[in-house]
Amino acid sequence: MKIKQNPWIRVSICYQLNKERKCVCINKEMAYKLRKEIEAQNGTIYWFQPVE
């Protein structure tokens, strides 16, 4: 059984990469992709919270 992705679930994600901090509110799938990219570049995720 394949679970369909829900584009309406949004999360707030804050991270630090190369001494720059940034916070964004994006859909869940994009947030997981961003998290993997940040961690692959030795960045830090310090907030990952569902908002809707």
N, C-alpha and C. Protein backbone atom coordinates (compact mmCIF):
# COMPACT_ATOMS: atom_id res chain seq x y z
N MET A 1 0.84 -1.17 0.00
CA MET A 1 0.00 0.00 0.00
C MET A 1 0.89 1.24 0.00
N LYS A 2 0.62 2.15 -0.90
CA LYS A 2 1.40 3.39 -0.98
C LYS A 2 0.64 4.51 -0.29
N ILE A 3 1.34 5.23 0.56
CA ILE A 3 0.72 6.36 1.25
C ILE A 3 0.87 7.60 0.38
N LYS A 4 -0.23 8.27 0.15
CA LYS A 4 -0.21 9.47 -0.68
C LYS A 4 0.32 10.65 0.13
N GLN A 5 1.17 11.44 -0.48
CA GLN A 5 1.73 12.60 0.21
C GLN A 5 0.67 13.69 0.34
N ASN A 6 0.63 14.31 1.48
CA ASN A 6 -0.33 15.38 1.74
C ASN A 6 0.39 16.72 1.60
N PRO A 7 0.11 17.48 0.54
CA PRO A 7 0.81 18.75 0.33
C PRO A 7 0.36 19.85 1.29
N TRP A 8 -0.68 19.60 2.07
CA TRP A 8 -1.21 20.64 2.95
C TRP A 8 -0.54 20.65 4.32
N ILE A 9 0.21 19.64 4.66
CA ILE A 9 0.90 19.62 5.95
C ILE A 9 2.12 20.52 5.84
N ARG A 10 2.18 21.54 6.69
CA ARG A 10 3.29 22.48 6.65
C ARG A 10 4.06 22.42 7.97
N VAL A 11 5.35 22.65 7.88
CA VAL A 11 6.19 22.66 9.08
C VAL A 11 7.06 23.91 9.08
N SER A 12 7.45 24.28 10.26
CA SER A 12 8.40 25.36 10.44
C SER A 12 9.75 24.71 10.73
N ILE A 13 10.77 25.11 9.98
CA ILE A 13 12.10 24.53 10.16
C ILE A 13 13.11 25.67 10.26
N CYS A 14 13.94 25.62 11.28
CA CYS A 14 15.00 26.60 11.47
C CYS A 14 16.33 25.85 11.48
N TYR A 15 17.32 26.45 10.84
CA TYR A 15 18.60 25.77 10.74
C TYR A 15 19.74 26.78 10.70
N GLN A 16 20.94 26.28 10.93
CA GLN A 16 22.15 27.09 10.84
C GLN A 16 23.11 26.38 9.90
N LEU A 17 23.62 27.12 8.92
CA LEU A 17 24.56 26.59 7.95
C LEU A 17 25.56 27.68 7.62
N ASN A 18 26.84 27.40 7.80
CA ASN A 18 27.90 28.36 7.53
C ASN A 18 27.70 29.67 8.28
N LYS A 19 27.40 29.58 9.57
CA LYS A 19 27.22 30.72 10.46
C LYS A 19 26.04 31.61 10.08
N GLU A 20 25.12 31.10 9.29
CA GLU A 20 23.92 31.84 8.91
C GLU A 20 22.70 31.07 9.41
N ARG A 21 21.82 31.76 10.14
CA ARG A 21 20.60 31.12 10.63
C ARG A 21 19.43 31.55 9.76
N LYS A 22 18.52 30.60 9.55
CA LYS A 22 17.37 30.89 8.71
C LYS A 22 16.19 30.04 9.17
N CYS A 23 14.98 30.59 9.09
CA CYS A 23 13.76 29.87 9.40
C CYS A 23 12.81 29.98 8.21
N VAL A 24 12.18 28.88 7.87
CA VAL A 24 11.22 28.86 6.77
C VAL A 24 10.02 28.02 7.15
N CYS A 25 8.90 28.26 6.51
CA CYS A 25 7.70 27.47 6.69
C CYS A 25 7.35 26.88 5.33
N ILE A 26 7.52 25.56 5.20
CA ILE A 26 7.34 24.88 3.92
C ILE A 26 6.56 23.58 4.12
N ASN A 27 6.19 22.92 3.02
CA ASN A 27 5.45 21.66 3.18
C ASN A 27 6.37 20.57 3.72
N LYS A 28 5.75 19.54 4.25
CA LYS A 28 6.49 18.50 4.98
C LYS A 28 7.54 17.80 4.14
N GLU A 29 7.22 17.44 2.91
CA GLU A 29 8.17 16.73 2.07
C GLU A 29 9.39 17.58 1.75
N MET A 30 9.18 18.86 1.45
CA MET A 30 10.30 19.76 1.17
C MET A 30 11.15 19.96 2.43
N ALA A 31 10.50 19.98 3.59
CA ALA A 31 11.23 20.15 4.85
C ALA A 31 12.16 18.96 5.10
N TYR A 32 11.69 17.74 4.83
CA TYR A 32 12.56 16.58 5.02
C TYR A 32 13.74 16.60 4.04
N LYS A 33 13.50 17.02 2.82
CA LYS A 33 14.60 17.14 1.85
C LYS A 33 15.60 18.19 2.30
N LEU A 34 15.10 19.34 2.76
CA LEU A 34 15.98 20.40 3.24
C LEU A 34 16.79 19.93 4.44
N ARG A 35 16.14 19.19 5.34
CA ARG A 35 16.83 18.68 6.53
C ARG A 35 18.00 17.77 6.14
N LYS A 36 17.78 16.88 5.18
CA LYS A 36 18.86 16.00 4.72
C LYS A 36 20.01 16.80 4.11
N GLU A 37 19.68 17.82 3.32
CA GLU A 37 20.71 18.65 2.69
C GLU A 37 21.53 19.41 3.74
N ILE A 38 20.85 19.99 4.72
CA ILE A 38 21.54 20.75 5.77
C ILE A 38 22.45 19.83 6.57
N GLU A 39 21.96 18.68 6.96
CA GLU A 39 22.77 17.74 7.75
C GLU A 39 23.93 17.19 6.93
N ALA A 40 23.75 17.00 5.62
CA ALA A 40 24.84 16.52 4.76
C ALA A 40 25.97 17.54 4.66
N GLN A 41 25.65 18.82 4.85
CA GLN A 41 26.65 19.89 4.77
C GLN A 41 27.14 20.30 6.17
N ASN A 42 26.90 19.43 7.17
CA ASN A 42 27.31 19.66 8.56
C ASN A 42 26.64 20.88 9.18
N GLY A 43 25.43 21.17 8.74
CA GLY A 43 24.64 22.24 9.36
C GLY A 43 23.87 21.69 10.54
N THR A 44 23.13 22.56 11.21
CA THR A 44 22.38 22.17 12.40
C THR A 44 20.91 22.55 12.24
N ILE A 45 20.04 21.59 12.50
CA ILE A 45 18.60 21.83 12.54
C ILE A 45 18.26 22.07 14.00
N TYR A 46 17.70 23.23 14.34
CA TYR A 46 17.38 23.47 15.74
C TYR A 46 15.89 23.68 15.98
N TRP A 47 15.06 23.62 14.96
CA TRP A 47 13.63 23.68 15.16
C TRP A 47 12.95 22.98 13.99
N PHE A 48 12.06 22.05 14.28
CA PHE A 48 11.34 21.33 13.26
C PHE A 48 9.97 21.05 13.85
N GLN A 49 8.99 21.87 13.54
CA GLN A 49 7.69 21.81 14.21
C GLN A 49 6.53 21.88 13.20
N PRO A 50 5.58 20.94 13.27
CA PRO A 50 4.40 21.04 12.41
C PRO A 50 3.58 22.29 12.79
N VAL A 51 3.06 22.99 11.79
CA VAL A 51 2.26 24.17 12.06
C VAL A 51 0.81 23.99 11.61
N GLU A 52 0.56 23.11 10.66
CA GLU A 52 -0.81 22.87 10.20
C GLU A 52 -1.04 21.39 10.05
